[in-house]
Amino acid sequence: MAVKIRLKRLGKIRSPHYRIVVMDARTKRDGRAIEEIGLYHPKNDPSVIRVNSERAQYWLSVGAQPTEAVVAIFKRTGDWQAFSGDTSPSGVDPQPAPRDKVALFNAALAEADSEPSTSAISKPKKKAAEAEAEAAPAEAEEA
């Protein structure tokens, strides 16, 4: 019986999630698996890759054949290098943290003029009109 390590597709139409599974080569893509050894969510930012390394090494050692996609995932996690003795670097590159656009805008305003004339987020016009209406009677009382 030929055993393969391949991806089992889950999720909605444009939001795929995969499980890394060990299956008989003759079963359907989403059929019954012998064992689930990991998961892969490519649409997340950064993509989620979790592999039970111990079980992956076991199945590779007993002759299970990984598909090309699974070999690429194993290379990212370092499991393929441990199995084959390859010396190429492994590991998932860390994603940079997203930049705060409001802070960048306020910093650019501060550099352009010594004082920012406006902030990055303005108040809604309705609330600004109410604030002016409240300030006008206070000024009339003082005069």
Protein backbone atom coordinates (compact mmCIF):
# COMPACT_ATOMS: atom_id res chain seq x y z
CA MET A 1 0.00 0.00 0.00
CA ALA A 2 1.47 3.35 -1.06
CA VAL A 3 1.18 6.06 1.57
CA LYS A 4 1.36 9.76 0.73
CA ILE A 5 1.68 12.90 2.82
CA ARG A 6 -0.54 15.47 1.18
CA LEU A 7 -2.89 18.41 1.75
CA LYS A 8 -6.56 17.98 2.61
CA ARG A 9 -8.57 21.06 1.61
CA LEU A 10 -11.09 22.67 3.94
CA GLY A 11 -12.72 26.08 4.09
CA LYS A 12 -14.88 28.20 1.84
CA ILE A 13 -14.51 28.93 -1.88
CA ARG A 14 -11.93 31.73 -1.68
CA SER A 15 -10.70 31.00 1.83
CA PRO A 16 -8.87 27.66 1.76
CA HIS A 17 -7.46 25.97 4.84
CA TYR A 18 -5.43 22.82 4.52
CA ARG A 19 -4.54 19.97 6.85
CA ILE A 20 -1.33 18.06 6.26
CA VAL A 21 -2.42 14.43 6.34
CA VAL A 22 -1.06 10.95 5.78
CA MET A 23 -3.33 9.02 3.37
CA ASP A 24 -3.45 5.97 1.18
CA ALA A 25 -2.51 7.10 -2.33
CA ARG A 26 -5.78 5.74 -3.76
CA THR A 27 -8.14 7.80 -1.57
CA LYS A 28 -9.87 11.00 -2.67
CA ARG A 29 -8.32 14.40 -1.97
CA ASP A 30 -10.65 15.06 0.97
CA GLY A 31 -11.18 11.43 1.92
CA ARG A 32 -10.43 9.58 5.13
CA ALA A 33 -6.92 10.17 6.43
CA ILE A 34 -4.72 7.78 8.35
CA GLU A 35 -3.35 10.62 10.49
CA GLU A 36 -3.35 14.42 10.56
CA ILE A 37 0.15 15.78 11.22
CA GLY A 38 -0.25 19.51 10.65
CA LEU A 39 -2.13 22.43 9.21
CA TYR A 40 -1.55 25.21 6.71
CA HIS A 41 -3.60 28.41 6.36
CA PRO A 42 -2.21 30.33 3.36
CA LYS A 43 -4.66 33.26 3.41
CA ASN A 44 -3.68 34.48 6.89
CA ASP A 45 -1.10 37.24 7.06
CA PRO A 46 1.46 35.82 7.81
CA SER A 47 0.38 32.34 6.74
CA VAL A 48 -0.02 29.76 9.51
CA ILE A 49 2.12 26.63 9.27
CA ARG A 50 2.04 24.09 12.10
CA VAL A 51 3.57 20.65 11.72
CA ASN A 52 3.97 17.89 14.29
CA SER A 53 7.64 17.38 13.50
CA GLU A 54 7.98 14.08 15.34
CA ARG A 55 5.15 12.44 13.39
CA ALA A 56 6.33 13.93 10.09
CA GLN A 57 9.81 12.47 10.63
CA TYR A 58 8.28 9.09 11.49
CA TRP A 59 6.14 8.92 8.34
CA LEU A 60 9.01 10.07 6.14
CA SER A 61 11.27 7.42 7.70
CA VAL A 62 8.82 4.58 6.98
CA GLY A 63 8.53 5.57 3.33
CA ALA A 64 5.55 7.90 2.99
CA GLN A 65 5.95 10.04 -0.13
CA PRO A 66 5.20 13.77 0.31
CA THR A 67 3.66 15.78 -2.52
CA GLU A 68 5.49 18.82 -3.93
CA ALA A 69 3.38 21.25 -1.88
CA VAL A 70 4.08 19.34 1.34
CA VAL A 71 7.82 19.24 0.56
CA ALA A 72 7.74 23.04 0.21
CA ILE A 73 6.01 23.35 3.59
CA PHE A 74 8.44 20.90 5.19
CA LYS A 75 11.35 22.97 3.83
CA ARG A 76 9.87 26.08 5.49
CA THR A 77 9.54 24.30 8.84
CA GLY A 78 12.92 22.55 8.60
CA ASP A 79 11.53 19.01 8.66
CA TRP A 80 12.70 18.20 5.14
CA GLN A 81 16.26 19.30 5.93
CA ALA A 82 16.26 17.09 9.04
CA PHE A 83 15.03 14.11 7.01
CA SER A 84 17.19 14.49 3.90
CA GLY A 85 20.32 15.94 5.49
CA ASP A 86 20.07 19.04 3.30
CA THR A 87 22.09 22.02 4.56
CA SER A 88 19.94 24.79 3.05
CA PRO A 89 18.54 27.29 5.55
CA SER A 90 15.08 26.71 6.96
CA GLY A 91 12.56 28.65 8.95
CA VAL A 92 9.62 30.89 8.36
CA ASP A 93 10.59 34.52 7.82
CA PRO A 94 8.98 36.84 10.39
CA GLN A 95 6.52 39.33 8.96
CA PRO A 96 7.19 43.01 9.67
CA ALA A 97 4.72 44.74 11.95
CA PRO A 98 2.25 46.97 10.13
CA ARG A 99 3.08 50.68 10.27
CA ASP A 100 0.78 53.09 12.11
CA LYS A 101 -0.39 55.43 9.35
CA VAL A 102 -1.85 58.01 11.73
CA ALA A 103 1.46 58.37 13.58
CA LEU A 104 3.35 58.65 10.28
CA PHE A 105 0.96 61.38 9.08
CA ASN A 106 1.30 63.37 12.31
CA ALA A 107 5.10 63.04 12.16
CA ALA A 108 5.12 64.33 8.57
CA LEU A 109 2.98 67.30 9.62
CA ALA A 110 5.34 68.04 12.47
CA GLU A 111 8.33 68.00 10.12
CA ALA A 112 6.63 70.26 7.57
CA ASP A 113 5.75 72.89 10.15
CA SER A 114 7.02 73.11 13.66
CA GLU A 115 3.45 72.59 14.90
CA PRO A 116 0.83 70.48 13.15
CA SER A 117 -2.07 72.62 12.00
CA THR A 118 -4.49 69.68 12.03
CA SER A 119 -4.47 66.16 13.33
CA ALA A 120 -4.75 63.10 11.12
CA ILE A 121 -8.30 62.38 12.22
CA SER A 122 -10.75 65.26 12.27
CA LYS A 123 -13.96 65.38 14.25
CA PRO A 124 -17.18 64.74 12.38
CA LYS A 125 -18.84 67.96 11.20
CA LYS A 126 -21.99 67.35 13.25
CA LYS A 127 -20.05 67.13 16.51
CA ALA A 128 -17.89 70.11 15.57
CA ALA A 129 -21.03 72.22 14.93
CA GLU A 130 -22.48 71.18 18.31
CA ALA A 131 -19.22 72.09 20.06
CA GLU A 132 -19.25 75.56 18.43
CA ALA A 133 -22.90 76.06 19.45
CA GLU A 134 -22.02 75.22 23.07
CA ALA A 135 -19.00 77.55 23.01
CA ALA A 136 -21.03 80.53 21.64
CA PRO A 137 -23.40 80.90 24.68
CA ALA A 138 -20.44 80.59 27.05
CA GLU A 139 -18.72 83.51 25.30
CA ALA A 140 -21.95 85.58 25.41
CA GLU A 141 -22.21 85.09 29.20
CA GLU A 142 -18.64 86.31 29.70
CA ALA A 143 -19.26 89.54 27.72
